[in-house]
Amino acid sequence: MGVTFLTSSTRSPEFFRLIVDEHQPRIAGEGLDFRDEVLAQIYDRGDAAPKRELVFHLEVSDEGTTRNLRLVETRDIRNWRRIGRMVFTAAAASYNGDFVFHVHHPTWRHDRNDPATAVRVGGRKVR
């Protein structure tokens, strides 16, 4: 029995954002660290058992304008479409997560939907 792979072109949105669910409570406190806020959404202080979820909505758009003002770039994005959600039921915050672990992101493409326009192919610079 053979395996058949169907291929089709990808289509990436131009803009993407994560929005915290409107029902997530605000965490009170002065000078809170982002990590403390994430942990407080899911856990009660001193209790390792998760009590709640942290929910984000995923939204995309292809409609927007970019303006460059000397040192600042501003974008006005319209017609956001909600395409999904992420639900976190556990979290961790650590020194390694902040200072040791690093994700190498791919370089920009000239056309976000065409892998042939990548600056690197097979790890080698081509442009």
N, C-alpha and C. Protein backbone atom coordinates (compact mmCIF):
# COMPACT_ATOMS: atom_id res chain seq x y z
N MET A 1 0.85 -1.18 0.00
CA MET A 1 0.00 0.00 0.00
C MET A 1 0.89 1.24 0.00
N GLY A 2 0.71 2.11 -0.96
CA GLY A 2 1.51 3.33 -1.06
C GLY A 2 0.84 4.48 -0.33
N VAL A 3 1.63 5.50 -0.09
CA VAL A 3 1.13 6.71 0.56
C VAL A 3 1.12 7.82 -0.48
N THR A 4 0.03 8.52 -0.56
CA THR A 4 -0.09 9.64 -1.49
C THR A 4 -0.18 10.93 -0.69
N PHE A 5 0.68 11.88 -1.02
CA PHE A 5 0.64 13.17 -0.37
C PHE A 5 0.03 14.17 -1.33
N LEU A 6 -0.94 14.90 -0.85
CA LEU A 6 -1.54 15.96 -1.65
C LEU A 6 -0.87 17.26 -1.26
N THR A 7 -0.45 18.03 -2.22
CA THR A 7 0.18 19.30 -1.91
C THR A 7 -0.66 20.42 -2.49
N SER A 8 -0.65 21.51 -1.81
CA SER A 8 -1.32 22.70 -2.30
C SER A 8 -0.56 23.91 -1.79
N SER A 9 -0.77 25.02 -2.42
CA SER A 9 -0.10 26.25 -2.03
C SER A 9 -0.58 26.71 -0.67
N THR A 10 0.31 27.30 0.07
CA THR A 10 -0.07 27.90 1.35
C THR A 10 -0.50 29.33 1.12
N ARG A 11 -1.24 29.86 2.07
CA ARG A 11 -1.63 31.25 2.01
C ARG A 11 -1.55 31.81 3.42
N SER A 12 -0.54 32.62 3.66
CA SER A 12 -0.33 33.19 4.98
C SER A 12 -0.98 34.57 5.07
N PRO A 13 -1.61 34.87 6.18
CA PRO A 13 -2.17 36.22 6.33
C PRO A 13 -1.03 37.23 6.48
N GLU A 14 -1.31 38.46 6.16
CA GLU A 14 -0.29 39.49 6.30
C GLU A 14 -0.12 39.88 7.77
N PHE A 15 -1.22 39.91 8.52
CA PHE A 15 -1.17 40.33 9.92
C PHE A 15 -1.79 39.25 10.81
N PHE A 16 -1.23 39.10 12.01
CA PHE A 16 -1.68 38.09 12.96
C PHE A 16 -1.61 38.70 14.35
N ARG A 17 -2.60 38.39 15.19
CA ARG A 17 -2.54 38.87 16.57
C ARG A 17 -3.20 37.87 17.51
N LEU A 18 -2.78 37.92 18.76
CA LEU A 18 -3.40 37.15 19.84
C LEU A 18 -4.13 38.13 20.73
N ILE A 19 -5.38 37.82 21.04
CA ILE A 19 -6.20 38.67 21.89
C ILE A 19 -6.59 37.86 23.13
N VAL A 20 -6.35 38.42 24.30
CA VAL A 20 -6.76 37.74 25.53
C VAL A 20 -8.28 37.72 25.58
N ASP A 21 -8.84 36.56 25.93
CA ASP A 21 -10.29 36.42 26.02
C ASP A 21 -10.87 37.47 26.96
N GLU A 22 -12.01 38.01 26.56
CA GLU A 22 -12.64 39.09 27.35
C GLU A 22 -13.07 38.64 28.74
N HIS A 23 -13.18 37.34 29.00
CA HIS A 23 -13.58 36.84 30.31
C HIS A 23 -12.40 36.57 31.25
N GLN A 24 -11.17 36.75 30.76
CA GLN A 24 -10.01 36.56 31.64
C GLN A 24 -9.99 37.67 32.66
N PRO A 25 -9.79 37.33 33.94
CA PRO A 25 -9.75 38.38 34.97
C PRO A 25 -8.46 39.20 34.87
N ARG A 26 -8.53 40.46 35.29
CA ARG A 26 -7.35 41.31 35.38
C ARG A 26 -6.62 40.95 36.68
N ILE A 27 -5.32 40.85 36.62
CA ILE A 27 -4.52 40.54 37.80
C ILE A 27 -4.08 41.85 38.43
N ALA A 28 -4.48 42.07 39.67
CA ALA A 28 -4.16 43.32 40.37
C ALA A 28 -2.74 43.27 40.93
N GLY A 29 -2.14 44.46 41.06
CA GLY A 29 -0.82 44.55 41.67
C GLY A 29 0.03 45.60 40.98
N GLU A 30 0.98 46.12 41.73
CA GLU A 30 1.90 47.14 41.21
C GLU A 30 3.13 46.47 40.63
N GLY A 31 3.57 46.93 39.47
CA GLY A 31 4.81 46.45 38.88
C GLY A 31 4.85 44.95 38.63
N LEU A 32 3.72 44.37 38.25
CA LEU A 32 3.69 42.93 38.00
C LEU A 32 4.56 42.55 36.82
N ASP A 33 5.18 41.41 36.94
CA ASP A 33 5.95 40.84 35.86
C ASP A 33 5.00 40.00 35.01
N PHE A 34 5.21 39.99 33.70
CA PHE A 34 4.37 39.24 32.78
C PHE A 34 4.24 37.77 33.21
N ARG A 35 5.36 37.17 33.64
CA ARG A 35 5.33 35.76 34.05
C ARG A 35 4.40 35.55 35.23
N ASP A 36 4.42 36.48 36.19
CA ASP A 36 3.54 36.37 37.35
C ASP A 36 2.08 36.47 36.95
N GLU A 37 1.79 37.34 35.98
CA GLU A 37 0.41 37.48 35.52
C GLU A 37 -0.08 36.20 34.84
N VAL A 38 0.77 35.59 34.00
CA VAL A 38 0.38 34.34 33.33
C VAL A 38 0.12 33.25 34.37
N LEU A 39 1.04 33.10 35.31
CA LEU A 39 0.87 32.06 36.34
C LEU A 39 -0.39 32.30 37.18
N ALA A 40 -0.68 33.58 37.50
CA ALA A 40 -1.85 33.90 38.32
C ALA A 40 -3.16 33.62 37.58
N GLN A 41 -3.13 33.62 36.26
CA GLN A 41 -4.35 33.29 35.50
C GLN A 41 -4.73 31.83 35.70
N ILE A 42 -3.76 30.96 35.90
CA ILE A 42 -4.01 29.52 35.94
C ILE A 42 -3.96 28.94 37.35
N TYR A 43 -3.09 29.48 38.21
CA TYR A 43 -2.86 28.90 39.54
C TYR A 43 -3.22 29.86 40.65
N ASP A 44 -3.54 29.31 41.81
CA ASP A 44 -3.63 30.09 43.03
C ASP A 44 -2.25 30.06 43.67
N ARG A 45 -1.82 31.17 44.28
CA ARG A 45 -0.49 31.25 44.88
C ARG A 45 -0.30 30.13 45.90
N GLY A 46 0.82 29.42 45.76
CA GLY A 46 1.16 28.36 46.69
C GLY A 46 0.52 27.01 46.39
N ASP A 47 -0.29 26.92 45.36
CA ASP A 47 -0.97 25.67 45.01
C ASP A 47 -0.54 25.27 43.59
N ALA A 48 0.09 24.11 43.45
CA ALA A 48 0.61 23.66 42.16
C ALA A 48 -0.47 23.09 41.24
N ALA A 49 -1.68 22.92 41.75
CA ALA A 49 -2.76 22.37 40.92
C ALA A 49 -3.41 23.50 40.11
N PRO A 50 -3.54 23.33 38.79
CA PRO A 50 -4.19 24.37 37.97
C PRO A 50 -5.66 24.55 38.38
N LYS A 51 -6.11 25.78 38.43
CA LYS A 51 -7.50 26.09 38.82
C LYS A 51 -8.32 26.69 37.68
N ARG A 52 -7.64 27.31 36.71
CA ARG A 52 -8.33 28.02 35.63
C ARG A 52 -7.58 27.81 34.32
N GLU A 53 -8.12 28.37 33.26
CA GLU A 53 -7.48 28.34 31.95
C GLU A 53 -7.11 29.77 31.55
N LEU A 54 -6.12 29.87 30.67
CA LEU A 54 -5.76 31.13 30.06
C LEU A 54 -6.08 30.99 28.57
N VAL A 55 -6.99 31.84 28.07
CA VAL A 55 -7.50 31.70 26.71
C VAL A 55 -7.13 32.92 25.87
N PHE A 56 -6.59 32.64 24.68
CA PHE A 56 -6.28 33.67 23.68
C PHE A 56 -7.07 33.36 22.42
N HIS A 57 -7.51 34.41 21.72
CA HIS A 57 -8.14 34.27 20.41
C HIS A 57 -7.11 34.62 19.35
N LEU A 58 -7.10 33.87 18.25
CA LEU A 58 -6.19 34.11 17.12
C LEU A 58 -6.96 34.85 16.06
N GLU A 59 -6.41 35.98 15.61
CA GLU A 59 -7.07 36.78 14.59
C GLU A 59 -6.08 37.13 13.49
N VAL A 60 -6.57 37.22 12.25
CA VAL A 60 -5.74 37.54 11.09
C VAL A 60 -6.43 38.60 10.23
N SER A 61 -5.62 39.26 9.41
CA SER A 61 -6.14 40.24 8.46
C SER A 61 -5.14 40.39 7.31
N ASP A 62 -5.65 40.72 6.15
CA ASP A 62 -4.81 41.04 5.00
C ASP A 62 -4.96 42.50 4.61
N GLU A 63 -5.69 43.26 5.42
CA GLU A 63 -5.99 44.64 5.06
C GLU A 63 -5.37 45.59 6.07
N GLY A 64 -4.41 46.35 5.61
CA GLY A 64 -3.79 47.32 6.50
C GLY A 64 -2.86 48.24 5.73
N THR A 65 -2.52 49.33 6.37
CA THR A 65 -1.58 50.28 5.78
C THR A 65 -0.46 50.52 6.78
N THR A 66 0.73 50.77 6.25
CA THR A 66 1.90 51.05 7.07
C THR A 66 2.40 52.44 6.75
N ARG A 67 2.70 53.20 7.80
CA ARG A 67 3.25 54.55 7.65
C ARG A 67 4.57 54.61 8.39
N ASN A 68 5.56 55.23 7.78
CA ASN A 68 6.85 55.44 8.42
C ASN A 68 6.98 56.91 8.80
N LEU A 69 7.18 57.16 10.08
CA LEU A 69 7.37 58.51 10.58
C LEU A 69 8.75 58.57 11.23
N ARG A 70 9.73 58.98 10.49
CA ARG A 70 11.13 59.08 10.93
C ARG A 70 11.60 57.79 11.61
N LEU A 71 11.47 57.66 12.91
CA LEU A 71 11.97 56.48 13.63
C LEU A 71 10.88 55.50 14.02
N VAL A 72 9.63 55.83 13.69
CA VAL A 72 8.51 55.00 14.13
C VAL A 72 7.72 54.50 12.92
N GLU A 73 7.39 53.21 12.95
CA GLU A 73 6.55 52.64 11.90
C GLU A 73 5.19 52.36 12.53
N THR A 74 4.12 52.84 11.90
CA THR A 74 2.77 52.69 12.42
C THR A 74 1.94 51.88 11.43
N ARG A 75 1.13 50.97 11.95
CA ARG A 75 0.24 50.17 11.09
C ARG A 75 -1.20 50.36 11.53
N ASP A 76 -2.07 50.57 10.56
CA ASP A 76 -3.51 50.60 10.78
C ASP A 76 -4.07 49.37 10.09
N ILE A 77 -4.59 48.44 10.88
CA ILE A 77 -5.06 47.17 10.33
C ILE A 77 -6.57 47.08 10.51
N ARG A 78 -7.25 46.63 9.46
CA ARG A 78 -8.71 46.58 9.45
C ARG A 78 -9.19 45.16 9.21
N ASN A 79 -10.45 44.94 9.50
CA ASN A 79 -11.16 43.68 9.18
C ASN A 79 -10.46 42.43 9.72
N TRP A 80 -10.23 42.44 11.02
CA TRP A 80 -9.68 41.26 11.67
C TRP A 80 -10.68 40.13 11.60
N ARG A 81 -10.20 38.91 11.34
CA ARG A 81 -11.04 37.70 11.32
C ARG A 81 -10.54 36.75 12.39
N ARG A 82 -11.43 36.31 13.25
CA ARG A 82 -11.07 35.35 14.29
C ARG A 82 -11.04 33.96 13.66
N ILE A 83 -9.89 33.29 13.77
CA ILE A 83 -9.73 31.98 13.13
C ILE A 83 -9.54 30.84 14.13
N GLY A 84 -9.44 31.14 15.39
CA GLY A 84 -9.25 30.05 16.36
C GLY A 84 -8.96 30.60 17.74
N ARG A 85 -8.59 29.67 18.62
CA ARG A 85 -8.25 30.06 19.98
C ARG A 85 -7.22 29.10 20.54
N MET A 86 -6.44 29.59 21.48
CA MET A 86 -5.48 28.76 22.20
C MET A 86 -5.89 28.75 23.66
N VAL A 87 -5.92 27.56 24.24
CA VAL A 87 -6.31 27.42 25.65
C VAL A 87 -5.14 26.78 26.40
N PHE A 88 -4.63 27.49 27.38
CA PHE A 88 -3.54 26.99 28.21
C PHE A 88 -4.12 26.51 29.54
N THR A 89 -3.79 25.28 29.90
CA THR A 89 -4.28 24.70 31.15
C THR A 89 -3.16 24.50 32.15
N ALA A 90 -1.93 24.82 31.77
CA ALA A 90 -0.78 24.72 32.65
C ALA A 90 0.25 25.74 32.17
N ALA A 91 1.15 26.14 33.06
CA ALA A 91 2.18 27.11 32.70
C ALA A 91 3.40 26.89 33.58
N ALA A 92 4.53 27.39 33.12
CA ALA A 92 5.77 27.36 33.89
C ALA A 92 6.56 28.62 33.57
N ALA A 93 7.25 29.14 34.54
CA ALA A 93 8.12 30.28 34.34
C ALA A 93 9.46 29.93 34.99
N SER A 94 10.54 30.11 34.23
CA SER A 94 11.85 29.73 34.76
C SER A 94 12.94 30.58 34.15
N TYR A 95 14.11 30.54 34.77
CA TYR A 95 15.27 31.25 34.26
C TYR A 95 15.61 30.73 32.86
N ASN A 96 15.63 29.41 32.68
CA ASN A 96 15.98 28.84 31.39
C ASN A 96 15.02 29.29 30.29
N GLY A 97 13.73 29.36 30.60
CA GLY A 97 12.76 29.80 29.60
C GLY A 97 12.99 31.23 29.15
N ASP A 98 13.51 32.06 30.05
CA ASP A 98 13.72 33.47 29.72
C ASP A 98 15.10 33.77 29.15
N PHE A 99 16.13 33.05 29.61
CA PHE A 99 17.48 33.45 29.26
C PHE A 99 18.31 32.39 28.54
N VAL A 100 17.90 31.15 28.55
CA VAL A 100 18.71 30.09 27.94
C VAL A 100 18.08 29.59 26.64
N PHE A 101 16.81 29.28 26.66
CA PHE A 101 16.11 28.76 25.50
C PHE A 101 15.95 29.85 24.45
N HIS A 102 16.31 29.55 23.22
CA HIS A 102 16.15 30.52 22.14
C HIS A 102 15.66 29.81 20.88
N VAL A 103 14.68 30.39 20.23
CA VAL A 103 14.15 29.84 18.98
C VAL A 103 14.69 30.67 17.84
N HIS A 104 15.36 30.04 16.89
CA HIS A 104 15.85 30.73 15.70
C HIS A 104 14.72 30.79 14.68
N HIS A 105 14.30 31.97 14.35
CA HIS A 105 13.21 32.16 13.40
C HIS A 105 13.75 32.19 11.98
N PRO A 106 12.97 31.72 11.03
CA PRO A 106 13.44 31.79 9.64
C PRO A 106 13.54 33.24 9.19
N THR A 107 14.37 33.47 8.19
CA THR A 107 14.51 34.82 7.67
C THR A 107 13.26 35.21 6.88
N TRP A 108 13.11 36.50 6.65
CA TRP A 108 11.96 37.00 5.91
C TRP A 108 12.00 36.53 4.47
N ARG A 109 10.84 36.42 3.89
CA ARG A 109 10.70 36.13 2.46
C ARG A 109 10.25 37.40 1.76
N HIS A 110 10.57 37.49 0.49
CA HIS A 110 10.07 38.62 -0.29
C HIS A 110 8.58 38.45 -0.57
N ASP A 111 8.12 37.21 -0.68
CA ASP A 111 6.69 36.88 -0.84
C ASP A 111 6.37 35.85 0.23
N ARG A 112 5.56 36.21 1.20
CA ARG A 112 5.30 35.33 2.35
C ARG A 112 4.70 33.98 1.95
N ASN A 113 4.11 33.88 0.77
CA ASN A 113 3.50 32.63 0.33
C ASN A 113 4.37 31.82 -0.64
N ASP A 114 5.57 32.28 -0.91
CA ASP A 114 6.44 31.59 -1.86
C ASP A 114 7.78 31.26 -1.21
N PRO A 115 8.01 29.99 -0.82
CA PRO A 115 9.26 29.63 -0.15
C PRO A 115 10.50 29.88 -1.01
N ALA A 116 10.33 29.97 -2.32
CA ALA A 116 11.47 30.22 -3.20
C ALA A 116 12.05 31.62 -3.01
N THR A 117 11.33 32.52 -2.35
CA THR A 117 11.82 33.88 -2.15
C THR A 117 12.53 34.03 -0.81
N ALA A 118 12.81 32.93 -0.11
CA ALA A 118 13.52 32.99 1.17
C ALA A 118 14.95 33.47 0.97
N VAL A 119 15.47 34.15 1.98
CA VAL A 119 16.84 34.63 1.92
C VAL A 119 17.82 33.46 2.10
N ARG A 120 17.39 32.43 2.84
CA ARG A 120 18.24 31.25 3.04
C ARG A 120 17.51 30.00 2.54
N VAL A 121 18.23 29.14 1.86
CA VAL A 121 17.69 27.86 1.42
C VAL A 121 18.69 26.80 1.86
N GLY A 122 18.21 25.80 2.59
CA GLY A 122 19.12 24.77 3.08
C GLY A 122 20.19 25.30 4.01
N GLY A 123 19.88 26.37 4.73
CA GLY A 123 20.82 26.94 5.68
C GLY A 123 21.85 27.87 5.05
N ARG A 124 21.84 28.05 3.75
CA ARG A 124 22.83 28.89 3.07
C ARG A 124 22.17 30.15 2.52
N LYS A 125 22.87 31.27 2.67
CA LYS A 125 22.36 32.52 2.16
C LYS A 125 22.38 32.50 0.64
N VAL A 126 21.24 32.82 0.03
CA VAL A 126 21.14 32.79 -1.43
C VAL A 126 20.93 34.17 -2.03
N ARG A 127 20.70 35.17 -1.23
CA ARG A 127 20.50 36.52 -1.73
C ARG A 127 21.36 37.48 -0.95
